[in-house]
Amino acid sequence: MLKLIIAIAVVVVLLLGGGIAYLALWDIPAPTQPVEKVIPDGRLPR
């Protein structure tokens, strides 16, 4: 029974480590759409 628990723990640790490594090395593309926001004249300094 102890060997089964250790094996499950090792699998969980490997899966977590693999997931963390995948997220750390994943090259997420930057957004390509331009952002346009209208700023009212009252908010601009004179």
N, C-alpha and C. Protein backbone atom coordinates (compact mmCIF):
# COMPACT_ATOMS: atom_id res chain seq x y z
N MET A 1 0.82 -1.20 0.00
CA MET A 1 0.00 0.00 0.00
C MET A 1 0.87 1.27 0.00
N LEU A 2 1.96 1.20 0.74
CA LEU A 2 2.85 2.36 0.82
C LEU A 2 3.50 2.65 -0.54
N LYS A 3 3.83 1.58 -1.28
CA LYS A 3 4.43 1.76 -2.59
C LYS A 3 3.44 2.44 -3.55
N LEU A 4 2.17 2.11 -3.44
CA LEU A 4 1.15 2.73 -4.29
C LEU A 4 1.02 4.22 -4.00
N ILE A 5 1.03 4.58 -2.74
CA ILE A 5 0.93 5.99 -2.35
C ILE A 5 2.15 6.76 -2.84
N ILE A 6 3.32 6.16 -2.71
CA ILE A 6 4.55 6.81 -3.18
C ILE A 6 4.52 6.97 -4.69
N ALA A 7 4.05 5.97 -5.40
CA ALA A 7 3.98 6.04 -6.86
C ALA A 7 3.01 7.13 -7.30
N ILE A 8 1.87 7.23 -6.64
CA ILE A 8 0.89 8.28 -6.97
C ILE A 8 1.47 9.65 -6.68
N ALA A 9 2.18 9.79 -5.56
CA ALA A 9 2.80 11.07 -5.21
C ALA A 9 3.85 11.46 -6.23
N VAL A 10 4.64 10.50 -6.70
CA VAL A 10 5.67 10.79 -7.71
C VAL A 10 5.02 11.23 -9.01
N VAL A 11 3.94 10.56 -9.42
CA VAL A 11 3.24 10.94 -10.65
C VAL A 11 2.67 12.35 -10.52
N VAL A 12 2.08 12.68 -9.39
CA VAL A 12 1.51 14.01 -9.17
C VAL A 12 2.61 15.07 -9.22
N VAL A 13 3.74 14.82 -8.60
CA VAL A 13 4.85 15.78 -8.60
C VAL A 13 5.39 15.96 -10.02
N LEU A 14 5.51 14.87 -10.78
CA LEU A 14 5.98 14.98 -12.16
C LEU A 14 4.99 15.77 -13.03
N LEU A 15 3.70 15.53 -12.84
CA LEU A 15 2.71 16.27 -13.61
C LEU A 15 2.73 17.76 -13.26
N LEU A 16 2.85 18.09 -11.99
CA LEU A 16 2.92 19.50 -11.58
C LEU A 16 4.19 20.16 -12.12
N GLY A 17 5.32 19.45 -12.02
CA GLY A 17 6.57 20.00 -12.54
C GLY A 17 6.52 20.20 -14.04
N GLY A 18 5.93 19.24 -14.76
CA GLY A 18 5.80 19.38 -16.21
C GLY A 18 4.89 20.54 -16.58
N GLY A 19 3.81 20.71 -15.85
CA GLY A 19 2.90 21.82 -16.12
C GLY A 19 3.55 23.17 -15.86
N ILE A 20 4.29 23.26 -14.79
CA ILE A 20 4.99 24.51 -14.47
C ILE A 20 6.05 24.81 -15.53
N ALA A 21 6.79 23.78 -15.95
CA ALA A 21 7.81 23.98 -16.98
C ALA A 21 7.16 24.39 -18.31
N TYR A 22 6.03 23.79 -18.64
CA TYR A 22 5.34 24.14 -19.89
C TYR A 22 4.90 25.61 -19.86
N LEU A 23 4.31 26.04 -18.77
CA LEU A 23 3.87 27.43 -18.67
C LEU A 23 5.05 28.40 -18.66
N ALA A 24 6.17 28.00 -18.06
CA ALA A 24 7.34 28.88 -18.00
C ALA A 24 8.00 29.04 -19.37
N LEU A 25 7.94 28.00 -20.20
CA LEU A 25 8.63 28.04 -21.48
C LEU A 25 7.72 28.36 -22.65
N TRP A 26 6.42 28.50 -22.42
CA TRP A 26 5.45 28.74 -23.48
C TRP A 26 5.62 30.18 -23.98
N ASP A 27 5.82 30.34 -25.27
CA ASP A 27 6.00 31.67 -25.87
C ASP A 27 4.63 32.21 -26.27
N ILE A 28 4.01 32.96 -25.38
CA ILE A 28 2.68 33.51 -25.62
C ILE A 28 2.80 34.68 -26.59
N PRO A 29 2.06 34.66 -27.72
CA PRO A 29 2.16 35.77 -28.66
C PRO A 29 1.52 37.05 -28.08
N ALA A 30 2.11 38.18 -28.42
CA ALA A 30 1.58 39.46 -27.96
C ALA A 30 0.32 39.80 -28.74
N PRO A 31 -0.61 40.54 -28.13
CA PRO A 31 -1.81 40.95 -28.85
C PRO A 31 -1.45 41.83 -30.05
N THR A 32 -2.16 41.65 -31.16
CA THR A 32 -1.83 42.40 -32.37
C THR A 32 -2.88 43.43 -32.73
N GLN A 33 -3.99 43.48 -32.02
CA GLN A 33 -5.02 44.47 -32.33
C GLN A 33 -4.67 45.81 -31.68
N PRO A 34 -4.79 46.91 -32.44
CA PRO A 34 -4.54 48.22 -31.83
C PRO A 34 -5.67 48.57 -30.86
N VAL A 35 -5.32 49.33 -29.83
CA VAL A 35 -6.29 49.76 -28.83
C VAL A 35 -6.52 51.25 -29.00
N GLU A 36 -7.77 51.63 -29.18
CA GLU A 36 -8.11 53.05 -29.30
C GLU A 36 -9.07 53.41 -28.17
N LYS A 37 -8.72 54.44 -27.43
CA LYS A 37 -9.56 54.87 -26.33
C LYS A 37 -9.72 56.38 -26.42
N VAL A 38 -10.95 56.83 -26.36
CA VAL A 38 -11.24 58.26 -26.45
C VAL A 38 -11.14 58.85 -25.06
N ILE A 39 -10.30 59.89 -24.92
CA ILE A 39 -10.14 60.58 -23.65
C ILE A 39 -10.84 61.93 -23.77
N PRO A 40 -11.80 62.21 -22.89
CA PRO A 40 -12.49 63.49 -22.96
C PRO A 40 -11.52 64.66 -22.71
N ASP A 41 -11.82 65.81 -23.32
CA ASP A 41 -10.95 66.99 -23.18
C ASP A 41 -10.86 67.46 -21.74
N GLY A 42 -11.87 67.24 -20.96
CA GLY A 42 -11.86 67.67 -19.55
C GLY A 42 -10.82 66.96 -18.71
N ARG A 43 -10.38 65.81 -19.13
CA ARG A 43 -9.39 65.04 -18.35
C ARG A 43 -7.96 65.40 -18.73
N LEU A 44 -7.75 66.16 -19.78
CA LEU A 44 -6.39 66.53 -20.21
C LEU A 44 -5.94 67.81 -19.50
N PRO A 45 -4.66 67.82 -19.10
CA PRO A 45 -4.16 69.06 -18.44
C PRO A 45 -4.02 70.17 -19.49
N ARG A 46 -4.12 71.40 -19.00
CA ARG A 46 -4.02 72.54 -19.91
C ARG A 46 -2.65 73.15 -19.85
